[in-house]
Amino acid sequence: MKVLVVGAFGTIGRKLVPELIDAGHQVSVSSRDPNKPLPWPELPCRRFTINLLEPQSIAGALADIELIYYLMHGMSDGEHHSEREVAAAQNLINAAQQAEVQRIIYMGSLVSSQPSSEHMQARVATGQVLASASVPITEVRAGIVIAPGSAAFEVMRDMVGHLPLVLTPPSIATQVPPIAIQDLIVYLTKLAELPESAGKCYDAAGPEWFSYSEMMQRVARCLGRRCKVIAIPGLPIWMAASVLGIVTSVPKSLARALIAGLGEKLEANPASLRALIPQQLTPLEEAVAQVLKDEQVAHYPDQWQNGVPTFRNFSPLHGFYAKNANHSIEIDASPESVWQVINLLGGKHRYFYFDMLWAIREWMDWALGGPGRNHGRTDASKLTVGERVDSWRILSVQENRRLVMKFGMKAPGGGGMQLSITPLANGRSRLTIELLWHPAGFWGLAYWYFYAPWHQLLLNGMTRRMAQLALRVEAGESAELLD
């Protein structure tokens, strides 16, 4: 079957696509950002760039498609995302009807009988829009998914992993049925082979119901931590959301949406789905253990991505989501000339700007027994994967395109630097430098925010100086002789 997965780069899509291919389907995937790296570059799947709010971008991806998996949600888009979600669903339906798509499988959410949060209302409204179309819809509704990158799971992990005491609103007593990602993927994969599921709505739930409080304590035990959860009567939702933004690495827009939905008394009747697709469901502790096991597998992508264990020092207590500071500059020079300047990193030019700040940080690290004073490069002539640039370690080199380095100094988290070159028209280039940081709890976040003002100063000066040097290389000067 020819399948398009819309939202393939999210938590569920990343796991679903390989399973669909293993099941023999011809899979295409879509994303809004054409530069976002494929999670599975080794797999045979076509890629399309789709913005569901731009109808003209959709039709080309639907040619000959028989089945669409619709996994999109707008929680990360901030307030008033429900209108955008409904508009996106309507645009997809219109295109699917014209392309004569046979069926859509929609990944929805368990909701209460009278949903009050914007996130829950958006899920219901999106499902209603899809159900009103002539294309048959199968809706699967799930609550908390236990998986790397699942916002609710990552919030719990960040909080219980680093705080001995968590104060919450009384709604923390609400009961929910978490489901392991591997069990949800079985349901979604098998539904592709069951056309009789068209027009049906199924609830996907794990084998147990827990209060949020109990679930957090169980996750804490799996992490080898102790955490006491106390409900505070009258604690405002907005205050709890603000605190989440401080003590977790989860983006604030996601945290707010999750907190707003805490009081929803979810309803689930999973009997029909369990009868249709029988399987041995995974208990919560086993699901968390599987997440932790998966995060010990080494992975070296050629571009920084959220959640990659290598970037997080293989620590389950380092945030899944990376904090990011970046700056770009357009240069009247070719990518080759810009790359020659990047190749100077760690030599006499050090970091091209305000090296005193770097030196202070290096001395601090050295005083704590770290490698901060390890200056120079293993190979001064060429950037090579695995080699050292001062205290950084090179993870990926794509000549004339991108350099990825891992931070090596002592700090409460894992981070890196990424330098990217984008070719522009008329032989010009855009240089982008990013600093990325996966914080280890509150202290990791405090570390990031303490250095944040200096990050932007350094990046602005660094890109400006590198642009000046690239212009000289473009004019014919030798990069090795630049001063």
Foldseek 3Di string as FASTA:
>chain_A
DEEEEEVLPAFLNVVQVVVLVVVPYAYEYEEQDPPDDDPCVPDPYHYAHDDLLDLVRPQVVLAVAQEYEYEDACLVVFPPCLVVLQSSLLSNLVSCVVNVHQEYEYEAAFFFPDHDFSRNVSRVSSVVSNLVGPRFYQYEHFYQELAQRRLLNQLLLLDLVPDQEAEAAPLLQAKHFYFYSVVVSLLVSVVVVPPVSTPHYAYDGFPDIGRNQVLSQLLSVLLVGHHHYHHDYPDDLVVSLVVSCQWGPRDSSNSSSVSSRSNTRGDHDRVVSCVVRPDDTDDSSVSSVVNLVVLQDADQDQDDDFQNSVQWVSRSLFRRDKDKDKDKDKALAALQLLLLLVLQDQPPCPLVDDCVVLVVVLVVQVVVVFQSQQGHWPDSRDDDAQIDRRQWGWRHDDGSAKTWIWHRGDAQTTWTKMWGWDADPPRMIMIMIMIITRGRTNRRSVVCVVCVVVVNVSNVSSNVSSSVSSVVVRVPDDSVPDD
